[in-house]
Amino acid sequence: MGILIKELRIRNYKCYESLDVELNETSLLLGANNAGKTSLLEALELSFTRYKRISEELIFIKKDEVLNKDKEIIIDVLILPNEESFDEEWFNWFCCKV
């Protein structure tokens, strides 16, 4: 019943304007303080949380940039089953929850 988070793509979230990360079964996050480790994990958590309101303060903006109301946060997660296919529990979680 396991899954593997294979890839994480983040756009315009906190300190990340654009980030693509490939992961494997034993990925490890290392970095200096204030490098974005927690922001990456929060983005991953956000992608699995339903109905969470996002404040404008979480949108990445460049220095001296004025926030455009059309700017979006995009968090894209590629998930693979550990077996040949997702079992019924995962299928219901991803496809059928309302």
Protein backbone atom coordinates (compact mmCIF):
# COMPACT_ATOMS: atom_id res chain seq x y z
CA MET A 1 0.00 0.00 0.00
CA GLY A 2 2.97 2.31 -0.29
CA ILE A 3 3.58 5.24 -2.54
CA LEU A 4 6.69 7.05 -3.74
CA ILE A 5 6.78 10.79 -4.21
CA LYS A 6 8.91 10.87 -7.34
CA GLU A 7 8.95 14.55 -8.26
CA LEU A 8 7.91 17.85 -6.72
CA ARG A 9 7.48 21.05 -8.73
CA ILE A 10 6.86 24.34 -6.96
CA ARG A 11 6.06 27.69 -8.58
CA ASN A 12 5.69 31.02 -6.78
CA TYR A 13 5.57 29.64 -3.24
CA LYS A 14 7.37 31.44 -0.43
CA CYS A 15 11.09 31.55 -1.33
CA TYR A 16 10.65 29.50 -4.52
CA GLU A 17 9.97 31.18 -7.83
CA SER A 18 10.56 27.87 -9.61
CA LEU A 19 11.81 24.60 -8.19
CA ASP A 20 11.86 21.08 -9.64
CA VAL A 21 13.07 18.28 -7.34
CA GLU A 22 13.39 14.60 -8.19
CA LEU A 23 13.11 12.36 -5.16
CA ASN A 24 13.87 8.72 -4.47
CA GLU A 25 13.14 6.34 -1.61
CA THR A 26 15.93 7.79 0.54
CA SER A 27 16.02 11.50 -0.27
CA LEU A 28 17.45 13.78 2.40
CA LEU A 29 17.01 17.54 2.76
CA LEU A 30 20.16 19.36 3.80
CA GLY A 31 20.87 23.06 3.78
CA ALA A 32 21.79 26.11 5.78
CA ASN A 33 19.29 27.94 7.93
CA ASN A 34 16.78 29.90 5.85
CA ALA A 35 17.57 27.91 2.68
CA GLY A 36 13.97 26.76 2.12
CA LYS A 37 13.89 23.23 3.59
CA THR A 38 10.81 23.91 5.69
CA SER A 39 9.11 25.77 2.83
CA LEU A 40 9.61 22.73 0.59
CA LEU A 41 8.03 20.44 3.21
CA GLU A 42 5.18 22.89 3.79
CA ALA A 43 4.50 22.98 0.04
CA LEU A 44 4.36 19.20 0.01
CA GLU A 45 1.99 19.23 3.00
CA LEU A 46 -0.16 21.86 1.29
CA SER A 47 -0.51 19.68 -1.80
CA PHE A 48 -2.19 16.99 0.33
CA THR A 49 -4.39 19.33 2.39
CA ARG A 50 -7.94 19.98 1.30
CA TYR A 51 -9.57 23.39 1.53
CA LYS A 52 -6.68 25.31 3.03
CA ARG A 53 -6.85 29.03 2.42
CA ILE A 54 -3.66 30.55 1.00
CA SER A 55 -2.72 34.09 1.98
CA GLU A 56 -1.03 36.51 -0.39
CA GLU A 57 2.04 36.54 1.87
CA LEU A 58 2.87 33.01 0.68
CA ILE A 59 3.18 34.05 -2.98
CA PHE A 60 6.74 34.54 -4.20
CA ILE A 61 7.42 38.03 -5.48
CA LYS A 62 10.72 39.46 -6.70
CA LYS A 63 12.29 42.50 -5.10
CA ASP A 64 10.34 45.62 -6.14
CA GLU A 65 7.68 43.47 -7.91
CA VAL A 66 4.05 44.47 -7.47
CA LEU A 67 1.87 41.43 -6.83
CA ASN A 68 -0.38 40.73 -9.80
CA LYS A 69 -3.77 39.30 -8.80
CA ASP A 70 -3.37 36.65 -11.54
CA LYS A 71 -0.17 35.23 -10.04
CA GLU A 72 -0.68 31.71 -8.72
CA ILE A 73 1.06 29.24 -6.48
CA ILE A 74 1.46 25.91 -8.26
CA ILE A 75 2.49 22.76 -6.42
CA ASP A 76 2.66 19.66 -8.58
CA VAL A 77 3.49 16.24 -7.11
CA LEU A 78 4.22 13.11 -9.14
CA ILE A 79 3.21 10.09 -7.06
CA LEU A 80 3.94 6.50 -8.04
CA PRO A 81 2.68 3.30 -6.40
CA ASN A 82 5.28 1.01 -4.85
CA GLU A 83 3.48 -1.92 -6.49
CA GLU A 84 2.17 -2.11 -10.07
CA SER A 85 -0.84 0.10 -9.36
CA PHE A 86 -2.50 2.05 -6.58
CA ASP A 87 -4.58 -0.11 -4.28
CA GLU A 88 -8.22 0.74 -3.58
CA GLU A 89 -7.45 2.83 -0.49
CA TRP A 90 -5.08 5.13 -2.39
CA PHE A 91 -7.38 5.20 -5.40
CA ASN A 92 -10.23 6.40 -3.15
CA TRP A 93 -7.98 8.97 -1.49
CA PHE A 94 -6.77 10.52 -4.75
CA CYS A 95 -9.79 10.10 -7.00
CA CYS A 96 -12.99 9.92 -5.05
CA LYS A 97 -12.77 12.14 -1.97
CA VAL A 98 -15.13 15.08 -1.99
